[in-house]
Amino acid sequence: MSMKFAPLIDPAVRKPAPKPVRVDLRKVFAIGTGLWIVALIVVLILLAVGYSVMPLVIMCVAGVIIGLLLLVWEYFDRWDYRRLGQ
């Protein structure tokens, strides 16, 4: 039997999976939300100039709201993680 298929047939020969890395999602969500805010400002300027960009305004507002909700979720997730770690 080929060595490529050995882990599929016999799970004991598999390499151990790497441990998951704990990532600081506050930075990720804050940067993403900040980019949505910048996009919202640009779209609002375009709207003030006279372009018809209302669907883009709605999309940017939704991006900001989702980003803020993810920041709140991450706060409570991190709070649970710290509480369980003690």
C-alpha atoms as a PDB file:
ATOM      1  CA  MET A   1       0.000   0.000   0.000  1.00  0.00           C
ATOM      2  CA  SER A   2       1.275   3.471  -0.855  1.00  0.00           C
ATOM      3  CA  MET A   3       2.402   5.703   1.997  1.00  0.00           C
ATOM      4  CA  LYS A   4       0.091   8.479   0.752  1.00  0.00           C
ATOM      5  CA  PHE A   5      -2.977   6.478   1.661  1.00  0.00           C
ATOM      6  CA  ALA A   6      -1.668   4.981   4.911  1.00  0.00           C
ATOM      7  CA  PRO A   7      -3.135   7.748   7.145  1.00  0.00           C
ATOM      8  CA  LEU A   8      -6.529   7.224   5.544  1.00  0.00           C
ATOM      9  CA  ILE A   9      -6.507   3.506   6.223  1.00  0.00           C
ATOM     10  CA  ASP A  10      -4.684   3.476   9.564  1.00  0.00           C
ATOM     11  CA  PRO A  11      -5.286   6.602  11.699  1.00  0.00           C
ATOM     12  CA  ALA A  12      -2.454   5.587  14.053  1.00  0.00           C
ATOM     13  CA  VAL A  13       0.183   6.609  11.461  1.00  0.00           C
ATOM     14  CA  ARG A  14      -1.164  10.151  11.162  1.00  0.00           C
ATOM     15  CA  LYS A  15       0.953  13.039  12.330  1.00  0.00           C
ATOM     16  CA  PRO A  16      -0.472  14.835  15.346  1.00  0.00           C
ATOM     17  CA  ALA A  17      -2.493  17.939  14.478  1.00  0.00           C
ATOM     18  CA  PRO A  18      -0.940  21.269  15.456  1.00  0.00           C
ATOM     19  CA  LYS A  19      -2.416  23.029  18.453  1.00  0.00           C
ATOM     20  CA  PRO A  20      -4.771  25.911  17.599  1.00  0.00           C
ATOM     21  CA  VAL A  21      -3.338  29.384  17.965  1.00  0.00           C
ATOM     22  CA  ARG A  22      -5.258  31.854  20.117  1.00  0.00           C
ATOM     23  CA  VAL A  23      -5.600  34.957  17.942  1.00  0.00           C
ATOM     24  CA  ASP A  24      -6.463  38.416  19.260  1.00  0.00           C
ATOM     25  CA  LEU A  25      -9.681  38.959  17.345  1.00  0.00           C
ATOM     26  CA  ARG A  26     -10.059  42.480  18.736  1.00  0.00           C
ATOM     27  CA  LYS A  27      -7.422  43.697  16.303  1.00  0.00           C
ATOM     28  CA  VAL A  28      -8.965  41.846  13.375  1.00  0.00           C
ATOM     29  CA  PHE A  29     -12.511  43.064  14.066  1.00  0.00           C
ATOM     30  CA  ALA A  30     -11.364  46.615  14.894  1.00  0.00           C
ATOM     31  CA  ILE A  31      -9.376  46.905  11.655  1.00  0.00           C
ATOM     32  CA  GLY A  32     -12.270  45.486   9.644  1.00  0.00           C
ATOM     33  CA  THR A  33     -14.773  47.826  11.288  1.00  0.00           C
ATOM     34  CA  GLY A  34     -12.424  50.753  10.727  1.00  0.00           C
ATOM     35  CA  LEU A  35     -12.216  49.910   7.032  1.00  0.00           C
ATOM     36  CA  TRP A  36     -16.015  49.797   6.827  1.00  0.00           C
ATOM     37  CA  ILE A  37     -16.169  53.218   8.509  1.00  0.00           C
ATOM     38  CA  VAL A  38     -13.694  54.631   5.977  1.00  0.00           C
ATOM     39  CA  ALA A  39     -15.746  53.127   3.144  1.00  0.00           C
ATOM     40  CA  LEU A  40     -18.904  54.626   4.651  1.00  0.00           C
ATOM     41  CA  ILE A  41     -17.321  58.076   4.766  1.00  0.00           C
ATOM     42  CA  VAL A  42     -16.234  57.796   1.123  1.00  0.00           C
ATOM     43  CA  VAL A  43     -19.698  56.644   0.050  1.00  0.00           C
ATOM     44  CA  LEU A  44     -21.379  59.432   2.027  1.00  0.00           C
ATOM     45  CA  ILE A  45     -19.146  61.959   0.267  1.00  0.00           C
ATOM     46  CA  LEU A  46     -20.140  60.445  -3.074  1.00  0.00           C
ATOM     47  CA  LEU A  47     -23.787  60.621  -2.027  1.00  0.00           C
ATOM     48  CA  ALA A  48     -23.386  64.308  -1.064  1.00  0.00           C
ATOM     49  CA  VAL A  49     -21.778  65.042  -4.436  1.00  0.00           C
ATOM     50  CA  GLY A  50     -24.797  63.584  -6.214  1.00  0.00           C
ATOM     51  CA  TYR A  51     -23.978  59.999  -7.104  1.00  0.00           C
ATOM     52  CA  SER A  52     -26.663  57.360  -6.625  1.00  0.00           C
ATOM     53  CA  VAL A  53     -24.909  55.077  -4.165  1.00  0.00           C
ATOM     54  CA  MET A  54     -27.643  54.301  -1.637  1.00  0.00           C
ATOM     55  CA  PRO A  55     -27.136  50.489  -1.841  1.00  0.00           C
ATOM     56  CA  LEU A  56     -23.462  51.045  -1.003  1.00  0.00           C
ATOM     57  CA  VAL A  57     -24.413  53.204   1.994  1.00  0.00           C
ATOM     58  CA  ILE A  58     -26.652  50.398   3.269  1.00  0.00           C
ATOM     59  CA  MET A  59     -23.885  47.845   2.744  1.00  0.00           C
ATOM     60  CA  CYS A  60     -21.304  49.977   4.588  1.00  0.00           C
ATOM     61  CA  VAL A  61     -23.681  50.633   7.493  1.00  0.00           C
ATOM     62  CA  ALA A  62     -24.344  46.892   7.713  1.00  0.00           C
ATOM     63  CA  GLY A  63     -20.582  46.252   7.726  1.00  0.00           C
ATOM     64  CA  VAL A  64     -20.076  48.708  10.590  1.00  0.00           C
ATOM     65  CA  ILE A  65     -22.963  47.230  12.598  1.00  0.00           C
ATOM     66  CA  ILE A  66     -21.730  43.663  12.085  1.00  0.00           C
ATOM     67  CA  GLY A  67     -18.185  44.728  13.025  1.00  0.00           C
ATOM     68  CA  LEU A  68     -19.406  46.339  16.240  1.00  0.00           C
ATOM     69  CA  LEU A  69     -21.482  43.259  17.086  1.00  0.00           C
ATOM     70  CA  LEU A  70     -18.420  41.066  16.504  1.00  0.00           C
ATOM     71  CA  LEU A  71     -16.379  43.282  18.845  1.00  0.00           C
ATOM     72  CA  VAL A  72     -19.046  42.847  21.535  1.00  0.00           C
ATOM     73  CA  TRP A  73     -19.123  39.084  20.912  1.00  0.00           C
ATOM     74  CA  GLU A  74     -15.324  38.896  21.123  1.00  0.00           C
ATOM     75  CA  TYR A  75     -15.339  40.815  24.417  1.00  0.00           C
ATOM     76  CA  PHE A  76     -17.669  38.279  26.017  1.00  0.00           C
ATOM     77  CA  ASP A  77     -15.855  35.342  24.409  1.00  0.00           C
ATOM     78  CA  ARG A  78     -12.542  36.557  25.818  1.00  0.00           C
ATOM     79  CA  TRP A  79     -14.214  37.180  29.189  1.00  0.00           C
ATOM     80  CA  ASP A  80     -15.431  33.553  29.250  1.00  0.00           C
ATOM     81  CA  TYR A  81     -12.013  32.329  28.134  1.00  0.00           C
ATOM     82  CA  ARG A  82     -10.278  34.200  30.991  1.00  0.00           C
ATOM     83  CA  ARG A  83     -12.893  33.092  33.518  1.00  0.00           C
ATOM     84  CA  LEU A  84     -12.546  29.432  32.535  1.00  0.00           C
ATOM     85  CA  GLY A  85      -8.760  29.653  32.601  1.00  0.00           C
ATOM     86  CA  GLN A  86      -8.616  30.593  36.270  1.00  0.00           C
END
